[in-house]
């Protein structure tokens, strides 16, 4: 008899509780957060660009040419997979990508910085709401960048500046070129040793309407601890815990508070 429940069973139980307790903005007294929950996070209407982006995902999934790339889970080891297998494992979920689109559209973010383009699909979601967006996407794995370029060539509405290399080498130059940071997406689950540094460097360039979004805040103990550090940071005012993602705001007109939202 199994006394300890399986991890997936435990996760489903947590999500069920969150769905009952934190749905539809119940208990949220902040007008800013309540509007964000009801008009953005829980919005389910498909936008015009979603179909095109998901069509690119399907096309990439059928690509069977193999790529050898460094395993980000085990340093020094190489992996060989087809493009389709890599996209299936590494690309952002459609649900998460749609949320990135709605957030960027809601806040009219013009200057976007991204760590880890996630096969290019997350970048397309971030930038497809307007052709006037400027986006710099930083990628540490050249093989993943080559897949992202395929997606960009097919559907990018605005020029996307994709740069490949170490974040510590690329970020200072990217920040010099950005007049301000309106939106930063941290897809840095495999760069946990650099997360704090990336956050602190970007923090120097925020303004009252800047939005930070973190992918995988519950994926590991280090990510959970890192998320708690962010919530406690004195420059952070409002955080929204979606379980799989975290959203951070720096607007000093908002009361400092951490919210949990079903997503």
C-alpha atoms as a PDB file:
ATOM      1  CA  UNK A   1       0.000   0.000   0.000  1.00  0.00           C
ATOM      2  CA  UNK A   2       1.330   3.434  -0.984  1.00  0.00           C
ATOM      3  CA  UNK A   3       1.080   5.823   1.947  1.00  0.00           C
ATOM      4  CA  UNK A   4       2.884   8.800   0.401  1.00  0.00           C
ATOM      5  CA  UNK A   5       0.980  10.116  -2.628  1.00  0.00           C
ATOM      6  CA  UNK A   6       2.711  10.419  -5.965  1.00  0.00           C
ATOM      7  CA  UNK A   7       4.124  13.848  -6.818  1.00  0.00           C
ATOM      8  CA  UNK A   8       1.664  14.321  -9.659  1.00  0.00           C
ATOM      9  CA  UNK A   9      -1.243  13.447  -7.355  1.00  0.00           C
ATOM     10  CA  UNK A  10      -0.012  15.972  -4.799  1.00  0.00           C
ATOM     11  CA  UNK A  11       0.308  18.635  -7.473  1.00  0.00           C
ATOM     12  CA  UNK A  12      -3.234  17.994  -8.700  1.00  0.00           C
ATOM     13  CA  UNK A  13      -4.494  18.295  -5.136  1.00  0.00           C
ATOM     14  CA  UNK A  14      -2.721  21.630  -4.684  1.00  0.00           C
ATOM     15  CA  UNK A  15      -4.136  22.953  -7.961  1.00  0.00           C
ATOM     16  CA  UNK A  16      -7.629  21.782  -7.004  1.00  0.00           C
ATOM     17  CA  UNK A  17      -7.403  23.633  -3.688  1.00  0.00           C
ATOM     18  CA  UNK A  18      -6.100  26.760  -5.407  1.00  0.00           C
ATOM     19  CA  UNK A  19      -8.935  26.546  -7.928  1.00  0.00           C
ATOM     20  CA  UNK A  20     -11.512  26.474  -5.142  1.00  0.00           C
ATOM     21  CA  UNK A  21      -9.842  29.044  -2.884  1.00  0.00           C
ATOM     22  CA  UNK A  22      -8.379  31.626  -5.285  1.00  0.00           C
ATOM     23  CA  UNK A  23     -10.597  31.638  -8.365  1.00  0.00           C
ATOM     24  CA  UNK A  24     -12.208  34.726  -9.974  1.00  0.00           C
ATOM     25  CA  UNK A  25     -10.362  37.161  -7.718  1.00  0.00           C
ATOM     26  CA  UNK A  26     -12.285  36.211  -4.571  1.00  0.00           C
ATOM     27  CA  UNK A  27     -10.878  38.007  -1.529  1.00  0.00           C
ATOM     28  CA  UNK A  28      -8.810  40.464  -3.589  1.00  0.00           C
ATOM     29  CA  UNK A  29      -9.475  44.058  -2.509  1.00  0.00           C
ATOM     30  CA  UNK A  30      -6.937  45.783  -4.746  1.00  0.00           C
ATOM     31  CA  UNK A  31      -8.700  47.165  -7.863  1.00  0.00           C
ATOM     32  CA  UNK A  32      -5.442  46.865  -9.814  1.00  0.00           C
ATOM     33  CA  UNK A  33      -4.987  43.176  -9.005  1.00  0.00           C
ATOM     34  CA  UNK A  34      -8.683  42.349  -9.328  1.00  0.00           C
ATOM     35  CA  UNK A  35      -8.813  43.852 -12.842  1.00  0.00           C
ATOM     36  CA  UNK A  36      -5.625  42.029 -13.754  1.00  0.00           C
ATOM     37  CA  UNK A  37      -7.081  38.700 -12.615  1.00  0.00           C
ATOM     38  CA  UNK A  38     -10.466  39.074 -14.294  1.00  0.00           C
ATOM     39  CA  UNK A  39      -9.389  40.858 -17.480  1.00  0.00           C
ATOM     40  CA  UNK A  40      -5.996  39.296 -18.173  1.00  0.00           C
ATOM     41  CA  UNK A  41      -5.102  36.185 -16.182  1.00  0.00           C
ATOM     42  CA  UNK A  42      -8.492  34.468 -16.432  1.00  0.00           C
ATOM     43  CA  UNK A  43      -9.313  35.788 -19.905  1.00  0.00           C
ATOM     44  CA  UNK A  44      -9.811  32.856 -22.279  1.00  0.00           C
ATOM     45  CA  UNK A  45     -10.738  34.527 -25.572  1.00  0.00           C
ATOM     46  CA  UNK A  46      -8.333  33.552 -28.371  1.00  0.00           C
ATOM     47  CA  UNK A  47      -6.534  36.375 -30.143  1.00  0.00           C
ATOM     48  CA  UNK A  48      -5.828  36.539 -33.857  1.00  0.00           C
ATOM     49  CA  UNK A  49      -2.157  35.586 -33.567  1.00  0.00           C
ATOM     50  CA  UNK A  50      -2.553  32.482 -31.395  1.00  0.00           C
ATOM     51  CA  UNK A  51      -3.522  30.282 -34.326  1.00  0.00           C
ATOM     52  CA  UNK A  52      -0.452  31.301 -36.341  1.00  0.00           C
ATOM     53  CA  UNK A  53       1.946  30.682 -33.448  1.00  0.00           C
ATOM     54  CA  UNK A  54       0.473  27.280 -32.644  1.00  0.00           C
ATOM     55  CA  UNK A  55       0.630  26.373 -36.334  1.00  0.00           C
ATOM     56  CA  UNK A  56       4.382  27.048 -36.202  1.00  0.00           C
ATOM     57  CA  UNK A  57       4.616  24.801 -33.135  1.00  0.00           C
ATOM     58  CA  UNK A  58       2.963  21.987 -35.097  1.00  0.00           C
ATOM     59  CA  UNK A  59       5.321  22.492 -38.011  1.00  0.00           C
ATOM     60  CA  UNK A  60       8.344  22.347 -35.711  1.00  0.00           C
ATOM     61  CA  UNK A  61       7.042  19.207 -34.004  1.00  0.00           C
ATOM     62  CA  UNK A  62       7.149  17.401 -37.358  1.00  0.00           C
ATOM     63  CA  UNK A  63      10.782  18.269 -38.042  1.00  0.00           C
ATOM     64  CA  UNK A  64      12.827  15.096 -37.624  1.00  0.00           C
ATOM     65  CA  UNK A  65      16.379  16.344 -38.255  1.00  0.00           C
ATOM     66  CA  UNK A  66      18.505  15.696 -35.183  1.00  0.00           C
ATOM     67  CA  UNK A  67      20.426  18.262 -33.169  1.00  0.00           C
ATOM     68  CA  UNK A  68      23.162  17.605 -30.621  1.00  0.00           C
ATOM     69  CA  UNK A  69      23.185  20.122 -27.784  1.00  0.00           C
ATOM     70  CA  UNK A  70      24.550  20.408 -24.215  1.00  0.00           C
ATOM     71  CA  UNK A  71      22.297  18.896 -21.572  1.00  0.00           C
ATOM     72  CA  UNK A  72      21.279  21.753 -19.277  1.00  0.00           C
ATOM     73  CA  UNK A  73      20.289  19.327 -16.509  1.00  0.00           C
ATOM     74  CA  UNK A  74      23.639  17.529 -16.441  1.00  0.00           C
ATOM     75  CA  UNK A  75      26.614  19.768 -17.143  1.00  0.00           C
ATOM     76  CA  UNK A  76      29.186  18.363 -19.570  1.00  0.00           C
ATOM     77  CA  UNK A  77      26.813  15.855 -21.149  1.00  0.00           C
ATOM     78  CA  UNK A  78      25.482  16.073 -24.705  1.00  0.00           C
ATOM     79  CA  UNK A  79      21.986  15.201 -25.877  1.00  0.00           C
ATOM     80  CA  UNK A  80      20.851  14.260 -29.364  1.00  0.00           C
ATOM     81  CA  UNK A  81      17.194  14.739 -30.216  1.00  0.00           C
ATOM     82  CA  UNK A  82      15.071  15.717 -33.174  1.00  0.00           C
ATOM     83  CA  UNK A  83      13.829  19.292 -33.420  1.00  0.00           C
ATOM     84  CA  UNK A  84      10.332  17.991 -32.789  1.00  0.00           C
ATOM     85  CA  UNK A  85      11.393  16.283 -29.562  1.00  0.00           C
ATOM     86  CA  UNK A  86      13.233  19.390 -28.361  1.00  0.00           C
ATOM     87  CA  UNK A  87      10.251  21.632 -29.071  1.00  0.00           C
ATOM     88  CA  UNK A  88       7.935  19.220 -27.270  1.00  0.00           C
ATOM     89  CA  UNK A  89      10.170  19.243 -24.178  1.00  0.00           C
ATOM     90  CA  UNK A  90      11.401  22.834 -24.078  1.00  0.00           C
ATOM     91  CA  UNK A  91       8.849  25.114 -25.756  1.00  0.00           C
ATOM     92  CA  UNK A  92       6.467  27.155 -23.657  1.00  0.00           C
ATOM     93  CA  UNK A  93       2.957  25.825 -23.113  1.00  0.00           C
ATOM     94  CA  UNK A  94       0.272  27.474 -25.230  1.00  0.00           C
ATOM     95  CA  UNK A  95      -1.561  28.524 -22.051  1.00  0.00           C
ATOM     96  CA  UNK A  96       1.507  30.294 -20.680  1.00  0.00           C
ATOM     97  CA  UNK A  97       2.313  31.880 -24.025  1.00  0.00           C
ATOM     98  CA  UNK A  98      -1.214  33.270 -24.296  1.00  0.00           C
ATOM     99  CA  UNK A  99      -0.823  34.841 -20.845  1.00  0.00           C
ATOM    100  CA  UNK A 100       2.427  36.522 -21.924  1.00  0.00           C
ATOM    101  CA  UNK A 101       0.582  37.975 -24.920  1.00  0.00           C
ATOM    102  CA  UNK A 102      -2.271  39.281 -22.772  1.00  0.00           C
ATOM    103  CA  UNK A 103       0.094  40.829 -20.221  1.00  0.00           C
ATOM    104  CA  UNK A 104       2.224  42.581 -22.855  1.00  0.00           C
ATOM    105  CA  UNK A 105      -0.935  43.779 -24.614  1.00  0.00           C
ATOM    106  CA  UNK A 106      -2.600  44.969 -21.384  1.00  0.00           C
ATOM    107  CA  UNK A 107       0.401  47.015 -20.250  1.00  0.00           C
ATOM    108  CA  UNK A 108       1.381  48.057 -23.810  1.00  0.00           C
ATOM    109  CA  UNK A 109       4.969  46.997 -23.205  1.00  0.00           C
ATOM    110  CA  UNK A 110       7.304  48.385 -25.875  1.00  0.00           C
ATOM    111  CA  UNK A 111      10.753  47.405 -24.627  1.00  0.00           C
ATOM    112  CA  UNK A 112      10.925  43.696 -23.860  1.00  0.00           C
ATOM    113  CA  UNK A 113      13.849  41.647 -22.603  1.00  0.00           C
ATOM    114  CA  UNK A 114      13.735  37.876 -22.535  1.00  0.00           C
ATOM    115  CA  UNK A 115      16.013  35.238 -21.040  1.00  0.00           C
ATOM    116  CA  UNK A 116      15.562  31.922 -22.836  1.00  0.00           C
ATOM    117  CA  UNK A 117      13.368  32.339 -25.965  1.00  0.00           C
ATOM    118  CA  UNK A 118      11.915  28.845 -25.467  1.00  0.00           C
ATOM    119  CA  UNK A 119      12.196  27.787 -29.131  1.00  0.00           C
ATOM    120  CA  UNK A 120      11.017  31.231 -30.158  1.00  0.00           C
ATOM    121  CA  UNK A 121       7.358  30.575 -29.403  1.00  0.00           C
ATOM    122  CA  UNK A 122       7.281  32.575 -26.170  1.00  0.00           C
ATOM    123  CA  UNK A 123       8.962  35.470 -27.979  1.00  0.00           C
ATOM    124  CA  UNK A 124       6.293  35.408 -30.668  1.00  0.00           C
ATOM    125  CA  UNK A 125       3.584  35.494 -28.016  1.00  0.00           C
ATOM    126  CA  UNK A 126       5.284  38.438 -26.302  1.00  0.00           C
ATOM    127  CA  UNK A 127       5.735  40.533 -29.428  1.00  0.00           C
ATOM    128  CA  UNK A 128       2.822  39.686 -31.716  1.00  0.00           C
ATOM    129  CA  UNK A 129       0.359  42.153 -30.201  1.00  0.00           C
ATOM    130  CA  UNK A 130       2.063  45.090 -31.965  1.00  0.00           C
ATOM    131  CA  UNK A 131       4.626  45.666 -34.758  1.00  0.00           C
ATOM    132  CA  UNK A 132       6.181  48.528 -32.737  1.00  0.00           C
ATOM    133  CA  UNK A 133       7.691  46.312 -30.033  1.00  0.00           C
ATOM    134  CA  UNK A 134      11.432  46.098 -29.526  1.00  0.00           C
ATOM    135  CA  UNK A 135      12.567  42.777 -28.103  1.00  0.00           C
ATOM    136  CA  UNK A 136      16.013  41.519 -27.183  1.00  0.00           C
ATOM    137  CA  UNK A 137      16.073  37.765 -26.563  1.00  0.00           C
ATOM    138  CA  UNK A 138      19.119  36.181 -24.909  1.00  0.00           C
ATOM    139  CA  UNK A 139      19.859  32.478 -25.364  1.00  0.00           C
ATOM    140  CA  UNK A 140      22.711  30.434 -23.926  1.00  0.00           C
ATOM    141  CA  UNK A 141      22.327  27.389 -26.221  1.00  0.00           C
ATOM    142  CA  UNK A 142      23.193  28.057 -29.905  1.00  0.00           C
ATOM    143  CA  UNK A 143      21.228  25.006 -31.065  1.00  0.00           C
ATOM    144  CA  UNK A 144      18.054  26.315 -29.417  1.00  0.00           C
ATOM    145  CA  UNK A 145      18.657  29.724 -30.986  1.00  0.00           C
ATOM    146  CA  UNK A 146      18.716  28.101 -34.429  1.00  0.00           C
ATOM    147  CA  UNK A 147      15.245  26.665 -33.784  1.00  0.00           C
ATOM    148  CA  UNK A 148      14.007  30.035 -32.530  1.00  0.00           C
ATOM    149  CA  UNK A 149      15.203  31.704 -35.736  1.00  0.00           C
ATOM    150  CA  UNK A 150      13.038  29.320 -37.754  1.00  0.00           C
ATOM    151  CA  UNK A 151       9.997  30.478 -35.781  1.00  0.00           C
ATOM    152  CA  UNK A 152      10.965  34.145 -36.096  1.00  0.00           C
ATOM    153  CA  UNK A 153      11.411  33.890 -39.862  1.00  0.00           C
ATOM    154  CA  UNK A 154       7.911  32.477 -40.190  1.00  0.00           C
ATOM    155  CA  UNK A 155       5.827  34.732 -37.956  1.00  0.00           C
ATOM    156  CA  UNK A 156       7.657  37.616 -36.248  1.00  0.00           C
ATOM    157  CA  UNK A 157       5.611  40.833 -36.606  1.00  0.00           C
ATOM    158  CA  UNK A 158       8.477  43.002 -35.383  1.00  0.00           C
ATOM    159  CA  UNK A 159      12.263  42.549 -35.599  1.00  0.00           C
ATOM    160  CA  UNK A 160      13.545  40.345 -32.780  1.00  0.00           C
ATOM    161  CA  UNK A 161      17.147  40.803 -31.688  1.00  0.00           C
ATOM    162  CA  UNK A 162      18.268  37.289 -30.765  1.00  0.00           C
ATOM    163  CA  UNK A 163      21.685  37.090 -29.113  1.00  0.00           C
ATOM    164  CA  UNK A 164      23.555  33.917 -28.189  1.00  0.00           C
ATOM    165  CA  UNK A 165      26.117  33.477 -25.453  1.00  0.00           C
ATOM    166  CA  UNK A 166      26.553  33.738 -21.700  1.00  0.00           C
ATOM    167  CA  UNK A 167      23.997  35.903 -19.919  1.00  0.00           C
ATOM    168  CA  UNK A 168      26.794  37.603 -17.982  1.00  0.00           C
ATOM    169  CA  UNK A 169      28.388  38.669 -21.257  1.00  0.00           C
ATOM    170  CA  UNK A 170      25.181  39.603 -23.094  1.00  0.00           C
ATOM    171  CA  UNK A 171      23.075  41.311 -20.437  1.00  0.00           C
ATOM    172  CA  UNK A 172      25.185  44.457 -19.727  1.00  0.00           C
ATOM    173  CA  UNK A 173      25.233  45.407 -23.424  1.00  0.00           C
ATOM    174  CA  UNK A 174      21.520  44.674 -23.837  1.00  0.00           C
ATOM    175  CA  UNK A 175      20.667  46.913 -20.877  1.00  0.00           C
ATOM    176  CA  UNK A 176      22.759  49.740 -22.330  1.00  0.00           C
ATOM    177  CA  UNK A 177      20.723  49.585 -25.546  1.00  0.00           C
ATOM    178  CA  UNK A 178      17.330  49.502 -23.835  1.00  0.00           C
ATOM    179  CA  UNK A 179      16.086  52.983 -22.863  1.00  0.00           C
ATOM    180  CA  UNK A 180      13.924  51.292 -20.230  1.00  0.00           C
ATOM    181  CA  UNK A 181      12.609  47.843 -19.359  1.00  0.00           C
ATOM    182  CA  UNK A 182       8.848  47.514 -19.748  1.00  0.00           C
ATOM    183  CA  UNK A 183       8.646  43.722 -19.631  1.00  0.00           C
ATOM    184  CA  UNK A 184      11.182  41.036 -18.676  1.00  0.00           C
ATOM    185  CA  UNK A 185      10.479  37.326 -19.060  1.00  0.00           C
ATOM    186  CA  UNK A 186      12.784  35.040 -17.067  1.00  0.00           C
ATOM    187  CA  UNK A 187      12.778  31.538 -18.528  1.00  0.00           C
ATOM    188  CA  UNK A 188      15.817  30.638 -16.446  1.00  0.00           C
ATOM    189  CA  UNK A 189      15.023  27.331 -14.804  1.00  0.00           C
ATOM    190  CA  UNK A 190      18.398  25.970 -15.972  1.00  0.00           C
ATOM    191  CA  UNK A 191      20.314  29.106 -14.959  1.00  0.00           C
ATOM    192  CA  UNK A 192      19.430  29.018 -11.284  1.00  0.00           C
ATOM    193  CA  UNK A 193      22.972  29.941 -10.229  1.00  0.00           C
ATOM    194  CA  UNK A 194      22.593  33.256 -12.103  1.00  0.00           C
ATOM    195  CA  UNK A 195      18.980  34.086 -11.255  1.00  0.00           C
ATOM    196  CA  UNK A 196      19.735  36.473  -8.417  1.00  0.00           C
ATOM    197  CA  UNK A 197      22.308  38.371 -10.472  1.00  0.00           C
ATOM    198  CA  UNK A 198      19.983  38.619 -13.487  1.00  0.00           C
ATOM    199  CA  UNK A 199      17.180  39.924 -11.285  1.00  0.00           C
ATOM    200  CA  UNK A 200      19.358  42.520  -9.555  1.00  0.00           C
ATOM    201  CA  UNK A 201      20.810  43.818 -12.829  1.00  0.00           C
ATOM    202  CA  UNK A 202      17.396  44.190 -14.447  1.00  0.00           C
ATOM    203  CA  UNK A 203      16.073  45.809 -11.282  1.00  0.00           C
ATOM    204  CA  UNK A 204      18.310  48.828 -11.956  1.00  0.00           C
ATOM    205  CA  UNK A 205      16.287  49.643 -15.083  1.00  0.00           C
ATOM    206  CA  UNK A 206      12.682  49.250 -13.918  1.00  0.00           C
ATOM    207  CA  UNK A 207      10.005  51.925 -13.714  1.00  0.00           C
ATOM    208  CA  UNK A 208       6.549  52.040 -12.141  1.00  0.00           C
ATOM    209  CA  UNK A 209       4.875  50.080 -14.945  1.00  0.00           C
ATOM    210  CA  UNK A 210       7.557  47.428 -15.462  1.00  0.00           C
ATOM    211  CA  UNK A 211       6.414  43.801 -15.379  1.00  0.00           C
ATOM    212  CA  UNK A 212       8.649  40.821 -14.552  1.00  0.00           C
ATOM    213  CA  UNK A 213       7.396  37.303 -15.297  1.00  0.00           C
ATOM    214  CA  UNK A 214       9.188  34.197 -14.013  1.00  0.00           C
ATOM    215  CA  UNK A 215       8.648  30.727 -15.452  1.00  0.00           C
ATOM    216  CA  UNK A 216       8.814  27.644 -13.203  1.00  0.00           C
ATOM    217  CA  UNK A 217       8.705  29.256  -9.764  1.00  0.00           C
ATOM    218  CA  UNK A 218       7.714  25.930  -8.159  1.00  0.00           C
ATOM    219  CA  UNK A 219       9.890  23.674 -10.329  1.00  0.00           C
ATOM    220  CA  UNK A 220      12.609  23.092  -7.708  1.00  0.00           C
ATOM    221  CA  UNK A 221      13.607  23.997  -4.185  1.00  0.00           C
ATOM    222  CA  UNK A 222      16.040  26.629  -5.482  1.00  0.00           C
ATOM    223  CA  UNK A 223      13.335  28.226  -7.624  1.00  0.00           C
ATOM    224  CA  UNK A 224      10.884  28.257  -4.713  1.00  0.00           C
ATOM    225  CA  UNK A 225      13.490  29.901  -2.457  1.00  0.00           C
ATOM    226  CA  UNK A 226      14.344  32.393  -5.184  1.00  0.00           C
ATOM    227  CA  UNK A 227      10.673  33.313  -5.574  1.00  0.00           C
ATOM    228  CA  UNK A 228      10.412  33.960  -1.839  1.00  0.00           C
ATOM    229  CA  UNK A 229      13.444  36.249  -2.055  1.00  0.00           C
ATOM    230  CA  UNK A 230      11.747  38.203  -4.814  1.00  0.00           C
ATOM    231  CA  UNK A 231       8.564  38.552  -2.767  1.00  0.00           C
ATOM    232  CA  UNK A 232      10.538  39.954   0.167  1.00  0.00           C
ATOM    233  CA  UNK A 233      12.614  42.369  -1.915  1.00  0.00           C
ATOM    234  CA  UNK A 234      12.039  46.003  -0.825  1.00  0.00           C
ATOM    235  CA  UNK A 235      11.720  47.255  -4.426  1.00  0.00           C
ATOM    236  CA  UNK A 236       8.926  44.788  -5.180  1.00  0.00           C
ATOM    237  CA  UNK A 237       5.389  45.902  -4.350  1.00  0.00           C
ATOM    238  CA  UNK A 238       2.957  43.295  -5.706  1.00  0.00           C
ATOM    239  CA  UNK A 239       3.607  39.669  -6.641  1.00  0.00           C
ATOM    240  CA  UNK A 240       1.159  37.169  -8.110  1.00  0.00           C
ATOM    241  CA  UNK A 241       1.859  33.468  -7.624  1.00  0.00           C
ATOM    242  CA  UNK A 242       0.238  31.413 -10.421  1.00  0.00           C
ATOM    243  CA  UNK A 243       1.998  28.236  -9.230  1.00  0.00           C
ATOM    244  CA  UNK A 244       3.669  27.600 -12.588  1.00  0.00           C
ATOM    245  CA  UNK A 245       4.551  31.272 -13.180  1.00  0.00           C
ATOM    246  CA  UNK A 246       5.125  34.366 -11.078  1.00  0.00           C
ATOM    247  CA  UNK A 247       4.333  37.994 -11.931  1.00  0.00           C
ATOM    248  CA  UNK A 248       6.112  40.921 -10.241  1.00  0.00           C
ATOM    249  CA  UNK A 249       5.292  44.647 -10.142  1.00  0.00           C
ATOM    250  CA  UNK A 250       7.214  47.662  -8.863  1.00  0.00           C
ATOM    251  CA  UNK A 251       4.525  50.363  -8.777  1.00  0.00           C
ATOM    252  CA  UNK A 252       5.041  52.312  -5.537  1.00  0.00           C
ATOM    253  CA  UNK A 253       1.380  53.405  -5.545  1.00  0.00           C
ATOM    254  CA  UNK A 254       0.392  49.811  -4.802  1.00  0.00           C
ATOM    255  CA  UNK A 255       0.417  48.370  -1.294  1.00  0.00           C
ATOM    256  CA  UNK A 256       3.030  45.672  -0.833  1.00  0.00           C
ATOM    257  CA  UNK A 257       1.310  42.310  -0.917  1.00  0.00           C
ATOM    258  CA  UNK A 258       1.729  38.787  -2.290  1.00  0.00           C
ATOM    259  CA  UNK A 259      -1.260  37.212  -4.008  1.00  0.00           C
ATOM    260  CA  UNK A 260      -2.030  33.628  -4.945  1.00  0.00           C
ATOM    261  CA  UNK A 261      -4.170  33.189  -8.055  1.00  0.00           C
ATOM    262  CA  UNK A 262      -5.565  30.067  -9.684  1.00  0.00           C
ATOM    263  CA  UNK A 263      -4.311  29.640 -13.248  1.00  0.00           C
END
